[in-house]
């Protein structure tokens, strides 16, 4: 197949399978992602994969899984991706429970930095969640799956009361993982980069506590909790950690961090204070 030799299957999601492979021209191990050929909504799945190539190839960051290229085989697009041999963050939380404050601040800083780069390039992820974060060997969290990402009409500058980074064609079917979708997105408003920061806040809360910030047994219950409830305080925690997470989880975008860089700075300061 093309210039790749396929090994075993690494995983499968709702729309695509991921295989381990070797690039025969370089000898490098990579991951190949391909849409299921027999699934419903095939055209939309292909469109999402092509969008992932177009957007992610611009994002070179140690906390983002790199998309190295793409090729067509048997009428389907195949994504060539950096091979990350490790579980998702969600699987890690299920196995080990809560993370230490040091690890939360370190991983949070890296993920906020990754979102800062994406937002600077006018890319909004729209599905930051534990299932879309891989835990690489060596202990680095890497954001992946930009299949729902889209391009903002202008870089977000954190102007109070505005959505300077509101998305082109952002309205439409609600996308993302329940429990990590921002309140304004649930209510049908155009999201901006601060919506990604809300999602990251929900991820960090779950890392701190081992439980979701907005639990529920149904989609409707989770959305109701997201809109109406504030999660319990993070205890025990070093001074500042609960405040950082709570600010990211503010119901109104204006109550959150102005941008990912501001959140990254606070997480870095916290990491330094607690000696991470």
Protein backbone atom coordinates (compact mmCIF):
# COMPACT_ATOMS: atom_id res chain seq x y z
CA UNK A 1 0.00 0.00 0.00
CA UNK A 2 1.54 3.29 -1.10
CA UNK A 3 4.97 3.39 0.56
CA UNK A 4 3.79 2.01 3.89
CA UNK A 5 3.78 -1.47 5.40
CA UNK A 6 0.83 -1.87 7.76
CA UNK A 7 1.16 -3.65 11.08
CA UNK A 8 -1.49 -4.12 13.73
CA UNK A 9 -4.53 -1.95 14.41
CA UNK A 10 -3.96 0.59 17.16
CA UNK A 11 -7.56 1.58 17.71
CA UNK A 12 -10.87 2.55 16.19
CA UNK A 13 -13.29 5.33 16.84
CA UNK A 14 -16.77 6.04 15.59
CA UNK A 15 -15.61 6.91 12.08
CA UNK A 16 -12.04 5.75 11.51
CA UNK A 17 -9.50 3.04 12.22
CA UNK A 18 -5.87 3.71 13.17
CA UNK A 19 -3.07 1.31 12.20
CA UNK A 20 0.57 1.07 13.08
CA UNK A 21 2.72 1.17 9.94
CA UNK A 22 6.27 1.63 8.71
CA UNK A 23 7.18 4.28 6.16
CA UNK A 24 9.26 2.22 3.73
CA UNK A 25 11.12 5.25 2.39
CA UNK A 26 12.41 6.36 5.79
CA UNK A 27 12.03 3.31 8.05
CA UNK A 28 10.05 5.44 10.47
CA UNK A 29 7.13 3.96 12.38
CA UNK A 30 3.96 6.01 11.89
CA UNK A 31 0.22 5.76 12.46
CA UNK A 32 -2.24 5.57 9.55
CA UNK A 33 -5.80 6.76 10.01
CA UNK A 34 -8.50 5.79 7.50
CA UNK A 35 -12.31 6.15 7.54
CA UNK A 36 -14.45 3.04 7.73
CA UNK A 37 -15.68 2.22 4.25
CA UNK A 38 -18.97 0.74 5.41
CA UNK A 39 -20.04 3.34 7.93
CA UNK A 40 -22.86 5.80 7.58
CA UNK A 41 -22.03 9.38 6.75
CA UNK A 42 -19.00 8.36 4.74
CA UNK A 43 -18.78 11.61 2.82
CA UNK A 44 -18.81 13.64 6.04
CA UNK A 45 -16.13 11.41 7.55
CA UNK A 46 -13.87 11.90 4.54
CA UNK A 47 -14.45 15.64 4.69
CA UNK A 48 -13.44 15.65 8.37
CA UNK A 49 -10.25 13.72 7.68
CA UNK A 50 -9.26 16.05 4.87
CA UNK A 51 -9.96 19.02 7.16
CA UNK A 52 -7.73 17.40 9.79
CA UNK A 53 -4.88 17.23 7.29
CA UNK A 54 -5.35 20.79 6.10
CA UNK A 55 -5.45 22.28 9.60
CA UNK A 56 -3.11 20.08 11.64
CA UNK A 57 -0.23 20.08 9.17
CA UNK A 58 0.17 23.76 10.12
CA UNK A 59 0.47 22.97 13.83
CA UNK A 60 3.95 21.85 14.83
CA UNK A 61 4.04 21.61 18.62
CA UNK A 62 5.37 19.04 21.12
CA UNK A 63 1.89 18.71 22.66
CA UNK A 64 0.07 18.11 19.36
CA UNK A 65 0.12 14.80 17.48
CA UNK A 66 1.69 15.70 14.15
CA UNK A 67 -0.03 14.98 10.86
CA UNK A 68 2.80 14.15 8.47
CA UNK A 69 0.83 13.88 5.25
CA UNK A 70 -1.92 12.05 3.41
CA UNK A 71 -2.45 9.83 0.40
CA UNK A 72 -5.35 8.27 -1.47
CA UNK A 73 -5.80 4.52 -1.65
CA UNK A 74 -8.82 2.64 -2.99
CA UNK A 75 -10.82 5.86 -3.07
CA UNK A 76 -10.25 6.71 0.60
CA UNK A 77 -7.96 9.30 2.21
CA UNK A 78 -5.30 7.94 4.57
CA UNK A 79 -3.71 10.25 7.13
CA UNK A 80 -0.06 9.68 8.00
CA UNK A 81 0.43 10.67 11.62
CA UNK A 82 3.09 10.69 14.28
CA UNK A 83 2.99 7.36 16.12
CA UNK A 84 2.16 7.88 19.80
CA UNK A 85 2.39 4.64 21.71
CA UNK A 86 0.34 5.26 24.79
CA UNK A 87 -3.22 5.30 26.13
CA UNK A 88 -5.65 8.19 25.98
CA UNK A 89 -5.90 10.46 28.97
CA UNK A 90 -9.38 9.05 29.59
CA UNK A 91 -8.03 5.51 29.74
CA UNK A 92 -5.25 6.66 32.07
CA UNK A 93 -7.71 8.31 34.47
CA UNK A 94 -9.88 5.19 34.44
CA UNK A 95 -6.85 3.07 35.34
CA UNK A 96 -5.00 5.25 37.88
CA UNK A 97 -7.53 7.82 39.06
CA UNK A 98 -6.59 11.40 39.86
CA UNK A 99 -3.24 12.91 38.92
CA UNK A 100 -0.96 14.77 41.30
CA UNK A 101 -1.15 18.56 41.31
CA UNK A 102 2.36 18.65 39.85
CA UNK A 103 1.32 16.50 36.89
CA UNK A 104 -1.93 18.44 36.37
CA UNK A 105 -0.06 21.75 36.21
CA UNK A 106 2.63 20.32 33.90
CA UNK A 107 0.21 18.68 31.48
CA UNK A 108 -2.16 21.64 31.64
CA UNK A 109 0.64 24.04 30.77
CA UNK A 110 1.60 21.98 27.72
CA UNK A 111 -1.97 21.60 26.50
CA UNK A 112 -2.70 25.31 26.97
CA UNK A 113 0.46 26.06 24.97
CA UNK A 114 -0.78 23.73 22.21
CA UNK A 115 -4.13 25.51 22.10
CA UNK A 116 -2.33 28.85 22.08
CA UNK A 117 -0.52 27.86 18.89
CA UNK A 118 -3.71 26.53 17.29
CA UNK A 119 -5.63 29.69 18.15
CA UNK A 120 -2.80 31.89 16.86
CA UNK A 121 -3.13 30.02 13.57
CA UNK A 122 -6.91 30.62 13.73
CA UNK A 123 -7.70 26.97 14.42
CA UNK A 124 -10.33 26.06 17.01
CA UNK A 125 -10.24 22.40 18.10
CA UNK A 126 -13.89 22.14 19.30
CA UNK A 127 -13.45 18.70 20.92
CA UNK A 128 -10.82 18.95 23.66
CA UNK A 129 -11.57 15.95 25.88
CA UNK A 130 -9.71 13.09 27.62
CA UNK A 131 -10.44 10.81 24.66
CA UNK A 132 -8.62 13.20 22.31
CA UNK A 133 -5.46 13.50 24.40
CA UNK A 134 -2.79 10.79 24.12
CA UNK A 135 -0.29 10.07 26.88
CA UNK A 136 3.01 9.53 25.09
CA UNK A 137 5.95 7.57 26.39
CA UNK A 138 8.03 9.90 28.52
CA UNK A 139 4.97 11.47 30.09
CA UNK A 140 3.86 14.10 27.58
CA UNK A 141 0.18 14.79 26.89
CA UNK A 142 -0.50 15.30 23.17
CA UNK A 143 -3.67 16.75 21.71
CA UNK A 144 -5.04 14.86 18.72
CA UNK A 145 -8.12 14.51 16.47
CA UNK A 146 -8.67 17.87 14.81
CA UNK A 147 -11.45 16.34 12.70
CA UNK A 148 -14.00 18.75 14.17
CA UNK A 149 -11.67 21.74 14.07
CA UNK A 150 -12.46 24.76 11.97
CA UNK A 151 -10.91 28.09 11.06
CA UNK A 152 -11.80 31.31 12.84
CA UNK A 153 -12.55 34.47 10.92
CA UNK A 154 -9.99 36.47 12.92
CA UNK A 155 -7.49 35.82 15.72
CA UNK A 156 -9.10 36.03 19.15
CA UNK A 157 -7.79 38.94 21.23
CA UNK A 158 -9.85 38.43 24.38
CA UNK A 159 -11.90 41.60 23.96
CA UNK A 160 -14.51 41.68 26.69
CA UNK A 161 -18.02 41.33 25.45
CA UNK A 162 -17.02 40.35 21.93
CA UNK A 163 -16.33 37.23 19.94
CA UNK A 164 -13.43 38.53 17.88
CA UNK A 165 -12.47 34.97 17.01
CA UNK A 166 -15.99 33.78 16.23
CA UNK A 167 -15.97 31.08 13.64
CA UNK A 168 -16.99 31.17 10.08
CA UNK A 169 -19.92 28.80 9.65
CA UNK A 170 -19.64 27.81 13.33
CA UNK A 171 -23.39 27.47 13.69
CA UNK A 172 -24.93 24.16 12.79
CA UNK A 173 -25.14 20.74 14.42
CA UNK A 174 -23.73 20.63 17.95
CA UNK A 175 -20.35 18.90 17.90
CA UNK A 176 -17.98 17.79 20.62
CA UNK A 177 -18.01 15.46 23.61
CA UNK A 178 -20.76 16.06 26.21
CA UNK A 179 -19.26 17.13 29.52
CA UNK A 180 -16.56 19.20 27.79
CA UNK A 181 -18.70 21.39 25.50
CA UNK A 182 -18.92 24.99 26.67
CA UNK A 183 -22.26 26.46 27.81
CA UNK A 184 -22.40 28.99 24.98
CA UNK A 185 -21.87 26.24 22.42
CA UNK A 186 -24.68 24.17 23.95
CA UNK A 187 -26.95 27.21 23.73
CA UNK A 188 -26.17 27.68 20.03
CA UNK A 189 -23.86 30.71 20.17
CA UNK A 190 -20.80 30.92 17.96
CA UNK A 191 -17.88 29.56 19.99
CA UNK A 192 -14.48 31.23 20.12
CA UNK A 193 -11.10 30.13 21.52
CA UNK A 194 -12.40 30.58 25.08
CA UNK A 195 -14.73 27.66 24.36
CA UNK A 196 -11.65 25.45 23.97
CA UNK A 197 -10.36 26.80 27.29
CA UNK A 198 -13.60 25.74 28.99
CA UNK A 199 -13.08 22.25 27.58
CA UNK A 200 -9.50 22.21 28.86
CA UNK A 201 -10.77 23.30 32.27
CA UNK A 202 -13.13 20.33 32.34
CA UNK A 203 -10.24 18.04 31.39
CA UNK A 204 -8.03 19.44 34.17
CA UNK A 205 -10.84 19.08 36.71
CA UNK A 206 -11.15 15.41 35.82
CA UNK A 207 -7.39 14.98 36.11
CA UNK A 208 -7.48 16.57 39.58
CA UNK A 209 -10.39 14.55 40.93
CA UNK A 210 -10.70 11.39 38.83
CA UNK A 211 -14.32 12.27 38.05
CA UNK A 212 -16.04 14.43 35.41
CA UNK A 213 -16.81 18.04 36.17
CA UNK A 214 -20.34 17.66 34.82
CA UNK A 215 -21.63 14.11 35.40
CA UNK A 216 -24.83 12.68 34.07
CA UNK A 217 -26.24 9.43 32.73
CA UNK A 218 -27.69 11.01 29.59
CA UNK A 219 -26.65 13.71 27.17
CA UNK A 220 -29.46 15.92 28.46
CA UNK A 221 -28.39 15.50 32.10
CA UNK A 222 -24.81 16.36 31.23
CA UNK A 223 -25.86 19.47 29.32
CA UNK A 224 -28.10 20.57 32.21
CA UNK A 225 -25.22 20.15 34.66
CA UNK A 226 -22.90 22.10 32.36
CA UNK A 227 -25.33 25.00 32.11
CA UNK A 228 -26.48 25.13 35.73
CA UNK A 229 -23.99 23.48 38.11
CA UNK A 230 -20.56 24.40 39.41
CA UNK A 231 -18.37 21.39 40.17
CA UNK A 232 -17.31 20.77 43.77
CA UNK A 233 -14.06 22.35 44.92
CA UNK A 234 -10.84 20.48 44.19
CA UNK A 235 -9.57 19.25 47.55
CA UNK A 236 -6.90 18.84 48.62
CA UNK A 237 -5.01 21.04 46.19
CA UNK A 238 -2.18 23.56 46.37
CA UNK A 239 -3.21 27.22 46.51
CA UNK A 240 -4.21 28.38 43.05
CA UNK A 241 -5.04 25.12 41.30
CA UNK A 242 -8.75 25.16 42.08
CA UNK A 243 -8.91 28.85 41.11
CA UNK A 244 -7.26 28.19 37.73
CA UNK A 245 -9.65 25.37 36.89
CA UNK A 246 -12.68 27.29 38.15
CA UNK A 247 -11.81 30.34 36.06
CA UNK A 248 -11.51 28.18 32.95
CA UNK A 249 -14.95 26.72 33.76
CA UNK A 250 -16.73 30.07 34.09
CA UNK A 251 -20.18 29.85 32.51
CA UNK A 252 -19.70 33.10 30.57
CA UNK A 253 -16.74 33.39 28.17
CA UNK A 254 -15.90 36.83 29.59
CA UNK A 255 -15.23 35.22 32.98
CA UNK A 256 -12.56 32.89 31.60
CA UNK A 257 -8.97 33.54 30.60
CA UNK A 258 -8.56 36.08 27.83
CA UNK A 259 -6.59 33.56 25.81
CA UNK A 260 -4.65 30.31 26.09
CA UNK A 261 -1.38 32.14 26.76
CA UNK A 262 -2.78 33.69 29.94
CA UNK A 263 -3.95 30.27 31.17
CA UNK A 264 -0.59 28.74 30.24
CA UNK A 265 1.23 31.42 32.26
CA UNK A 266 -0.82 30.78 35.39
CA UNK A 267 -0.29 27.03 35.11
CA UNK A 268 3.46 27.55 34.62
CA UNK A 269 3.62 29.83 37.67
CA UNK A 270 1.75 27.22 39.69
CA UNK A 271 4.09 24.46 38.51
CA UNK A 272 7.11 26.51 39.57
CA UNK A 273 5.59 27.29 42.99
CA UNK A 274 4.89 23.67 43.80
CA UNK A 275 8.23 22.52 42.46
CA UNK A 276 7.04 20.46 39.50
